[in-house]
Amino acid sequence: MDERELNEAIETLCCSKAEEFHLLGYEHVTAEEIWQCVSDRYKSGEDPPLYRIVNDILSLKVTGFMNYLTLSAFKGTAF
């Protein structure tokens, strides 16, 4: 799988998770915000294996996402 295919797969997963959040009443969540939340865990410098990225996206809960947004707001970072 090359980098382009990997990015497309990640984007598809993030869109799916954003749609799930929309069904739960969080209409303004975007796929980009989902990816920012998940990728924030990977700041160690090395790329995680694909199975970990997929698991982290698909297992993301609304509470975890909202905690990320709250902490980002307190830190003053864009979300």
PDB file of N, CA and C in Angstrom:
ATOM      1  N   MET A   1       0.862  -1.170   0.000  1.00  0.00           N
ATOM      2  CA  MET A   1       0.000   0.000   0.000  1.00  0.00           C
ATOM      3  C   MET A   1       0.904   1.227   0.000  1.00  0.00           C
ATOM      4  N   ASP A   2       0.748   2.071  -1.008  1.00  0.00           N
ATOM      5  CA  ASP A   2       1.567   3.278  -1.048  1.00  0.00           C
ATOM      6  C   ASP A   2       0.935   4.380  -0.196  1.00  0.00           C
ATOM      7  N   GLU A   3       1.627   5.493  -0.093  1.00  0.00           N
ATOM      8  CA  GLU A   3       1.188   6.569   0.803  1.00  0.00           C
ATOM      9  C   GLU A   3      -0.156   7.163   0.392  1.00  0.00           C
ATOM     10  N   ARG A   4      -0.385   7.286  -0.909  1.00  0.00           N
ATOM     11  CA  ARG A   4      -1.653   7.840  -1.392  1.00  0.00           C
ATOM     12  C   ARG A   4      -2.822   6.944  -0.995  1.00  0.00           C
ATOM     13  N   GLU A   5      -2.660   5.655  -1.183  1.00  0.00           N
ATOM     14  CA  GLU A   5      -3.712   4.708  -0.811  1.00  0.00           C
ATOM     15  C   GLU A   5      -3.947   4.703   0.693  1.00  0.00           C
ATOM     16  N   LEU A   6      -2.867   4.809   1.456  1.00  0.00           N
ATOM     17  CA  LEU A   6      -2.979   4.868   2.907  1.00  0.00           C
ATOM     18  C   LEU A   6      -3.758   6.107   3.337  1.00  0.00           C
ATOM     19  N   ASN A   7      -3.433   7.255   2.743  1.00  0.00           N
ATOM     20  CA  ASN A   7      -4.142   8.496   3.081  1.00  0.00           C
ATOM     21  C   ASN A   7      -5.623   8.420   2.718  1.00  0.00           C
ATOM     22  N   GLU A   8      -5.927   7.809   1.591  1.00  0.00           N
ATOM     23  CA  GLU A   8      -7.324   7.648   1.188  1.00  0.00           C
ATOM     24  C   GLU A   8      -8.076   6.741   2.150  1.00  0.00           C
ATOM     25  N   ALA A   9      -7.426   5.669   2.590  1.00  0.00           N
ATOM     26  CA  ALA A   9      -8.065   4.748   3.537  1.00  0.00           C
ATOM     27  C   ALA A   9      -8.318   5.429   4.871  1.00  0.00           C
ATOM     28  N   ILE A  10      -7.349   6.204   5.342  1.00  0.00           N
ATOM     29  CA  ILE A  10      -7.515   6.930   6.603  1.00  0.00           C
ATOM     30  C   ILE A  10      -8.618   7.968   6.472  1.00  0.00           C
ATOM     31  N   GLU A  11      -8.656   8.666   5.351  1.00  0.00           N
ATOM     32  CA  GLU A  11      -9.698   9.671   5.132  1.00  0.00           C
ATOM     33  C   GLU A  11     -11.087   9.029   5.121  1.00  0.00           C
ATOM     34  N   THR A  12     -11.206   7.863   4.496  1.00  0.00           N
ATOM     35  CA  THR A  12     -12.475   7.148   4.459  1.00  0.00           C
ATOM     36  C   THR A  12     -12.926   6.762   5.864  1.00  0.00           C
ATOM     37  N   LEU A  13     -11.996   6.258   6.660  1.00  0.00           N
ATOM     38  CA  LEU A  13     -12.320   5.879   8.037  1.00  0.00           C
ATOM     39  C   LEU A  13     -12.751   7.098   8.861  1.00  0.00           C
ATOM     40  N   CYS A  14     -12.037   8.195   8.696  1.00  0.00           N
ATOM     41  CA  CYS A  14     -12.376   9.415   9.448  1.00  0.00           C
ATOM     42  C   CYS A  14     -13.740   9.957   9.029  1.00  0.00           C
ATOM     43  N   CYS A  15     -14.052   9.882   7.748  1.00  0.00           N
ATOM     44  CA  CYS A  15     -15.379  10.304   7.267  1.00  0.00           C
ATOM     45  C   CYS A  15     -16.464   9.416   7.866  1.00  0.00           C
ATOM     46  N   SER A  16     -16.200   8.131   7.925  1.00  0.00           N
ATOM     47  CA  SER A  16     -17.159   7.199   8.511  1.00  0.00           C
ATOM     48  C   SER A  16     -17.401   7.521   9.985  1.00  0.00           C
ATOM     49  N   LYS A  17     -16.334   7.810  10.717  1.00  0.00           N
ATOM     50  CA  LYS A  17     -16.474   8.132  12.136  1.00  0.00           C
ATOM     51  C   LYS A  17     -17.201   9.464  12.313  1.00  0.00           C
ATOM     52  N   ALA A  18     -16.930  10.436  11.449  1.00  0.00           N
ATOM     53  CA  ALA A  18     -17.630  11.720  11.513  1.00  0.00           C
ATOM     54  C   ALA A  18     -19.125  11.527  11.250  1.00  0.00           C
ATOM     55  N   GLU A  19     -19.470  10.678  10.296  1.00  0.00           N
ATOM     56  CA  GLU A  19     -20.875  10.379  10.009  1.00  0.00           C
ATOM     57  C   GLU A  19     -21.536   9.708  11.208  1.00  0.00           C
ATOM     58  N   GLU A  20     -20.808   8.838  11.884  1.00  0.00           N
ATOM     59  CA  GLU A  20     -21.333   8.200  13.098  1.00  0.00           C
ATOM     60  C   GLU A  20     -21.642   9.257  14.160  1.00  0.00           C
ATOM     61  N   PHE A  21     -20.737  10.205  14.342  1.00  0.00           N
ATOM     62  CA  PHE A  21     -20.958  11.277  15.309  1.00  0.00           C
ATOM     63  C   PHE A  21     -22.152  12.144  14.895  1.00  0.00           C
ATOM     64  N   HIS A  22     -22.328  12.345  13.586  1.00  0.00           N
ATOM     65  CA  HIS A  22     -23.483  13.116  13.100  1.00  0.00           C
ATOM     66  C   HIS A  22     -24.783  12.425  13.500  1.00  0.00           C
ATOM     67  N   LEU A  23     -24.803  11.095  13.395  1.00  0.00           N
ATOM     68  CA  LEU A  23     -25.998  10.343  13.770  1.00  0.00           C
ATOM     69  C   LEU A  23     -26.289  10.451  15.269  1.00  0.00           C
ATOM     70  N   LEU A  24     -25.247  10.707  16.047  1.00  0.00           N
ATOM     71  CA  LEU A  24     -25.405  10.849  17.498  1.00  0.00           C
ATOM     72  C   LEU A  24     -25.728  12.280  17.907  1.00  0.00           C
ATOM     73  N   GLY A  25     -25.865  13.174  16.919  1.00  0.00           N
ATOM     74  CA  GLY A  25     -26.264  14.547  17.207  1.00  0.00           C
ATOM     75  C   GLY A  25     -25.139  15.563  17.158  1.00  0.00           C
ATOM     76  N   TYR A  26     -23.945  15.160  16.802  1.00  0.00           N
ATOM     77  CA  TYR A  26     -22.808  16.078  16.704  1.00  0.00           C
ATOM     78  C   TYR A  26     -22.578  16.404  15.236  1.00  0.00           C
ATOM     79  N   GLU A  27     -23.431  17.285  14.702  1.00  0.00           N
ATOM     80  CA  GLU A  27     -23.466  17.550  13.261  1.00  0.00           C
ATOM     81  C   GLU A  27     -22.261  18.304  12.729  1.00  0.00           C
ATOM     82  N   HIS A  28     -21.528  18.992  13.575  1.00  0.00           N
ATOM     83  CA  HIS A  28     -20.449  19.849  13.095  1.00  0.00           C
ATOM     84  C   HIS A  28     -19.073  19.200  13.140  1.00  0.00           C
ATOM     85  N   VAL A  29     -18.999  17.938  13.481  1.00  0.00           N
ATOM     86  CA  VAL A  29     -17.727  17.218  13.520  1.00  0.00           C
ATOM     87  C   VAL A  29     -17.299  16.897  12.093  1.00  0.00           C
ATOM     88  N   THR A  30     -16.021  17.144  11.796  1.00  0.00           N
ATOM     89  CA  THR A  30     -15.497  16.857  10.462  1.00  0.00           C
ATOM     90  C   THR A  30     -14.477  15.720  10.523  1.00  0.00           C
ATOM     91  N   ALA A  31     -14.224  15.147   9.369  1.00  0.00           N
ATOM     92  CA  ALA A  31     -13.227  14.079   9.277  1.00  0.00           C
ATOM     93  C   ALA A  31     -11.839  14.604   9.647  1.00  0.00           C
ATOM     94  N   GLU A  32     -11.556  15.855   9.304  1.00  0.00           N
ATOM     95  CA  GLU A  32     -10.262  16.451   9.638  1.00  0.00           C
ATOM     96  C   GLU A  32     -10.085  16.554  11.151  1.00  0.00           C
ATOM     97  N   GLU A  33     -11.153  16.913  11.859  1.00  0.00           N
ATOM     98  CA  GLU A  33     -11.080  17.000  13.317  1.00  0.00           C
ATOM     99  C   GLU A  33     -10.877  15.615  13.937  1.00  0.00           C
ATOM    100  N   ILE A  34     -11.520  14.621  13.361  1.00  0.00           N
ATOM    101  CA  ILE A  34     -11.326  13.246  13.841  1.00  0.00           C
ATOM    102  C   ILE A  34      -9.859  12.860  13.689  1.00  0.00           C
ATOM    103  N   TRP A  35      -9.281  13.141  12.523  1.00  0.00           N
ATOM    104  CA  TRP A  35      -7.893  12.780  12.296  1.00  0.00           C
ATOM    105  C   TRP A  35      -6.950  13.562  13.221  1.00  0.00           C
ATOM    106  N   GLN A  36      -7.226  14.837  13.445  1.00  0.00           N
ATOM    107  CA  GLN A  36      -6.399  15.625  14.362  1.00  0.00           C
ATOM    108  C   GLN A  36      -6.427  15.018  15.755  1.00  0.00           C
ATOM    109  N   CYS A  37      -7.589  14.598  16.202  1.00  0.00           N
ATOM    110  CA  CYS A  37      -7.737  13.987  17.521  1.00  0.00           C
ATOM    111  C   CYS A  37      -6.941  12.690  17.607  1.00  0.00           C
ATOM    112  N   VAL A  38      -7.087  11.839  16.619  1.00  0.00           N
ATOM    113  CA  VAL A  38      -6.413  10.542  16.642  1.00  0.00           C
ATOM    114  C   VAL A  38      -4.906  10.710  16.457  1.00  0.00           C
ATOM    115  N   SER A  39      -4.503  11.539  15.518  1.00  0.00           N
ATOM    116  CA  SER A  39      -3.067  11.685  15.228  1.00  0.00           C
ATOM    117  C   SER A  39      -2.332  12.419  16.338  1.00  0.00           C
ATOM    118  N   ASP A  40      -3.053  13.109  17.206  1.00  0.00           N
ATOM    119  CA  ASP A  40      -2.430  13.789  18.339  1.00  0.00           C
ATOM    120  C   ASP A  40      -1.739  12.782  19.262  1.00  0.00           C
ATOM    121  N   ARG A  41      -2.166  11.543  19.224  1.00  0.00           N
ATOM    122  CA  ARG A  41      -1.566  10.479  20.047  1.00  0.00           C
ATOM    123  C   ARG A  41      -0.217  10.011  19.508  1.00  0.00           C
ATOM    124  N   TYR A  42       0.107  10.375  18.275  1.00  0.00           N
ATOM    125  CA  TYR A  42       1.296   9.843  17.611  1.00  0.00           C
ATOM    126  C   TYR A  42       2.429  10.857  17.538  1.00  0.00           C
ATOM    127  N   LYS A  43       2.585  11.658  18.536  1.00  0.00           N
ATOM    128  CA  LYS A  43       3.609  12.693  18.490  1.00  0.00           C
ATOM    129  C   LYS A  43       5.008  12.178  18.815  1.00  0.00           C
ATOM    130  N   SER A  44       5.150  10.899  19.049  1.00  0.00           N
ATOM    131  CA  SER A  44       6.455  10.340  19.408  1.00  0.00           C
ATOM    132  C   SER A  44       7.443  10.367  18.243  1.00  0.00           C
ATOM    133  N   GLY A  45       6.969  10.614  17.044  1.00  0.00           N
ATOM    134  CA  GLY A  45       7.854  10.719  15.894  1.00  0.00           C
ATOM    135  C   GLY A  45       7.786   9.544  14.935  1.00  0.00           C
ATOM    136  N   GLU A  46       7.509   8.360  15.431  1.00  0.00           N
ATOM    137  CA  GLU A  46       7.448   7.219  14.538  1.00  0.00           C
ATOM    138  C   GLU A  46       5.998   6.933  14.147  1.00  0.00           C
ATOM    139  N   ASP A  47       5.836   6.463  12.930  1.00  0.00           N
ATOM    140  CA  ASP A  47       4.497   6.157  12.437  1.00  0.00           C
ATOM    141  C   ASP A  47       4.014   4.851  13.047  1.00  0.00           C
ATOM    142  N   PRO A  48       2.803   4.841  13.585  1.00  0.00           N
ATOM    143  CA  PRO A  48       2.269   3.597  14.143  1.00  0.00           C
ATOM    144  C   PRO A  48       1.865   2.640  13.024  1.00  0.00           C
ATOM    145  N   PRO A  49       1.738   1.364  13.344  1.00  0.00           N
ATOM    146  CA  PRO A  49       1.277   0.411  12.326  1.00  0.00           C
ATOM    147  C   PRO A  49      -0.170   0.706  11.919  1.00  0.00           C
ATOM    148  N   LEU A  50      -0.507   0.291  10.727  1.00  0.00           N
ATOM    149  CA  LEU A  50      -1.830   0.566  10.173  1.00  0.00           C
ATOM    150  C   LEU A  50      -2.945   0.036  11.072  1.00  0.00           C
ATOM    151  N   TYR A  51      -2.775  -1.148  11.635  1.00  0.00           N
ATOM    152  CA  TYR A  51      -3.833  -1.716  12.461  1.00  0.00           C
ATOM    153  C   TYR A  51      -4.115  -0.836  13.681  1.00  0.00           C
ATOM    154  N   ARG A  52      -3.093  -0.161  14.215  1.00  0.00           N
ATOM    155  CA  ARG A  52      -3.302   0.725  15.367  1.00  0.00           C
ATOM    156  C   ARG A  52      -4.073   1.978  14.943  1.00  0.00           C
ATOM    157  N   ILE A  53      -3.738   2.530  13.787  1.00  0.00           N
ATOM    158  CA  ILE A  53      -4.448   3.721  13.290  1.00  0.00           C
ATOM    159  C   ILE A  53      -5.920   3.394  13.081  1.00  0.00           C
ATOM    160  N   VAL A  54      -6.185   2.264  12.422  1.00  0.00           N
ATOM    161  CA  VAL A  54      -7.570   1.848  12.165  1.00  0.00           C
ATOM    162  C   VAL A  54      -8.312   1.655  13.480  1.00  0.00           C
ATOM    163  N   ASN A  55      -7.696   0.969  14.428  1.00  0.00           N
ATOM    164  CA  ASN A  55      -8.331   0.738  15.718  1.00  0.00           C
ATOM    165  C   ASN A  55      -8.598   2.045  16.450  1.00  0.00           C
ATOM    166  N   ASP A  56      -7.638   2.959  16.438  1.00  0.00           N
ATOM    167  CA  ASP A  56      -7.808   4.229  17.141  1.00  0.00           C
ATOM    168  C   ASP A  56      -8.939   5.064  16.548  1.00  0.00           C
ATOM    169  N   ILE A  57      -9.084   5.037  15.235  1.00  0.00           N
ATOM    170  CA  ILE A  57     -10.168   5.798  14.594  1.00  0.00           C
ATOM    171  C   ILE A  57     -11.515   5.153  14.906  1.00  0.00           C
ATOM    172  N   LEU A  58     -11.611   3.847  14.681  1.00  0.00           N
ATOM    173  CA  LEU A  58     -12.902   3.180  14.829  1.00  0.00           C
ATOM    174  C   LEU A  58     -13.351   3.051  16.286  1.00  0.00           C
ATOM    175  N   SER A  59     -12.423   3.073  17.219  1.00  0.00           N
ATOM    176  CA  SER A  59     -12.800   2.951  18.634  1.00  0.00           C
ATOM    177  C   SER A  59     -12.950   4.306  19.328  1.00  0.00           C
ATOM    178  N   LEU A  60     -12.759   5.391  18.590  1.00  0.00           N
ATOM    179  CA  LEU A  60     -12.904   6.724  19.180  1.00  0.00           C
ATOM    180  C   LEU A  60     -14.344   6.952  19.628  1.00  0.00           C
ATOM    181  N   LYS A  61     -14.500   7.340  20.861  1.00  0.00           N
ATOM    182  CA  LYS A  61     -15.823   7.625  21.426  1.00  0.00           C
ATOM    183  C   LYS A  61     -16.041   9.133  21.465  1.00  0.00           C
ATOM    184  N   VAL A  62     -17.293   9.526  21.512  1.00  0.00           N
ATOM    185  CA  VAL A  62     -17.635  10.943  21.557  1.00  0.00           C
ATOM    186  C   VAL A  62     -16.995  11.610  22.770  1.00  0.00           C
ATOM    187  N   THR A  63     -17.006  10.930  23.910  1.00  0.00           N
ATOM    188  CA  THR A  63     -16.427  11.534  25.117  1.00  0.00           C
ATOM    189  C   THR A  63     -14.931  11.790  24.948  1.00  0.00           C
ATOM    190  N   GLY A  64     -14.212  10.869  24.339  1.00  0.00           N
ATOM    191  CA  GLY A  64     -12.793  11.067  24.085  1.00  0.00           C
ATOM    192  C   GLY A  64     -12.544  12.219  23.131  1.00  0.00           C
ATOM    193  N   PHE A  65     -13.388  12.319  22.116  1.00  0.00           N
ATOM    194  CA  PHE A  65     -13.266  13.406  21.156  1.00  0.00           C
ATOM    195  C   PHE A  65     -13.561  14.748  21.813  1.00  0.00           C
ATOM    196  N   MET A  66     -14.605  14.801  22.618  1.00  0.00           N
ATOM    197  CA  MET A  66     -14.953  16.054  23.297  1.00  0.00           C
ATOM    198  C   MET A  66     -13.872  16.445  24.315  1.00  0.00           C
ATOM    199  N   ASN A  67     -13.270  15.468  24.977  1.00  0.00           N
ATOM    200  CA  ASN A  67     -12.157  15.765  25.881  1.00  0.00           C
ATOM    201  C   ASN A  67     -10.995  16.383  25.110  1.00  0.00           C
ATOM    202  N   TYR A  68     -10.709  15.844  23.921  1.00  0.00           N
ATOM    203  CA  TYR A  68      -9.644  16.382  23.084  1.00  0.00           C
ATOM    204  C   TYR A  68      -9.949  17.833  22.702  1.00  0.00           C
ATOM    205  N   LEU A  69     -11.192  18.109  22.294  1.00  0.00           N
ATOM    206  CA  LEU A  69     -11.560  19.474  21.914  1.00  0.00           C
ATOM    207  C   LEU A  69     -11.454  20.427  23.099  1.00  0.00           C
ATOM    208  N   THR A  70     -11.870  19.976  24.266  1.00  0.00           N
ATOM    209  CA  THR A  70     -11.807  20.812  25.465  1.00  0.00           C
ATOM    210  C   THR A  70     -10.363  21.134  25.826  1.00  0.00           C
ATOM    211  N   LEU A  71      -9.507  20.116  25.828  1.00  0.00           N
ATOM    212  CA  LEU A  71      -8.094  20.347  26.139  1.00  0.00           C
ATOM    213  C   LEU A  71      -7.430  21.236  25.093  1.00  0.00           C
ATOM    214  N   SER A  72      -7.797  21.069  23.846  1.00  0.00           N
ATOM    215  CA  SER A  72      -7.254  21.920  22.791  1.00  0.00           C
ATOM    216  C   SER A  72      -7.667  23.370  22.986  1.00  0.00           C
ATOM    217  N   ALA A  73      -8.904  23.573  23.426  1.00  0.00           N
ATOM    218  CA  ALA A  73      -9.382  24.934  23.675  1.00  0.00           C
ATOM    219  C   ALA A  73      -8.629  25.554  24.841  1.00  0.00           C
ATOM    220  N   PHE A  74      -8.398  24.778  25.874  1.00  0.00           N
ATOM    221  CA  PHE A  74      -7.639  25.301  27.020  1.00  0.00           C
ATOM    222  C   PHE A  74      -6.192  25.625  26.652  1.00  0.00           C
ATOM    223  N   LYS A  75      -5.615  24.804  25.792  1.00  0.00           N
ATOM    224  CA  LYS A  75      -4.235  25.033  25.366  1.00  0.00           C
ATOM    225  C   LYS A  75      -4.133  26.176  24.360  1.00  0.00           C
ATOM    226  N   GLY A  76      -5.263  26.522  23.779  1.00  0.00           N
ATOM    227  CA  GLY A  76      -5.264  27.584  22.780  1.00  0.00           C
ATOM    228  C   GLY A  76      -4.890  27.126  21.400  1.00  0.00           C
ATOM    229  N   THR A  77      -4.895  25.834  21.159  1.00  0.00           N
ATOM    230  CA  THR A  77      -4.577  25.309  19.847  1.00  0.00           C
ATOM    231  C   THR A  77      -5.827  25.241  18.992  1.00  0.00           C
ATOM    232  N   ALA A  78      -5.628  25.333  17.704  1.00  0.00           N
ATOM    233  CA  ALA A  78      -6.765  25.248  16.792  1.00  0.00           C
ATOM    234  C   ALA A  78      -7.253  23.826  16.712  1.00  0.00           C
ATOM    235  N   PHE A  79      -8.556  23.651  16.629  1.00  0.00           N
ATOM    236  CA  PHE A  79      -9.129  22.327  16.464  1.00  0.00           C
ATOM    237  C   PHE A  79     -10.111  22.412  15.392  1.00  0.00           C
TER     238      PHE A  79
END
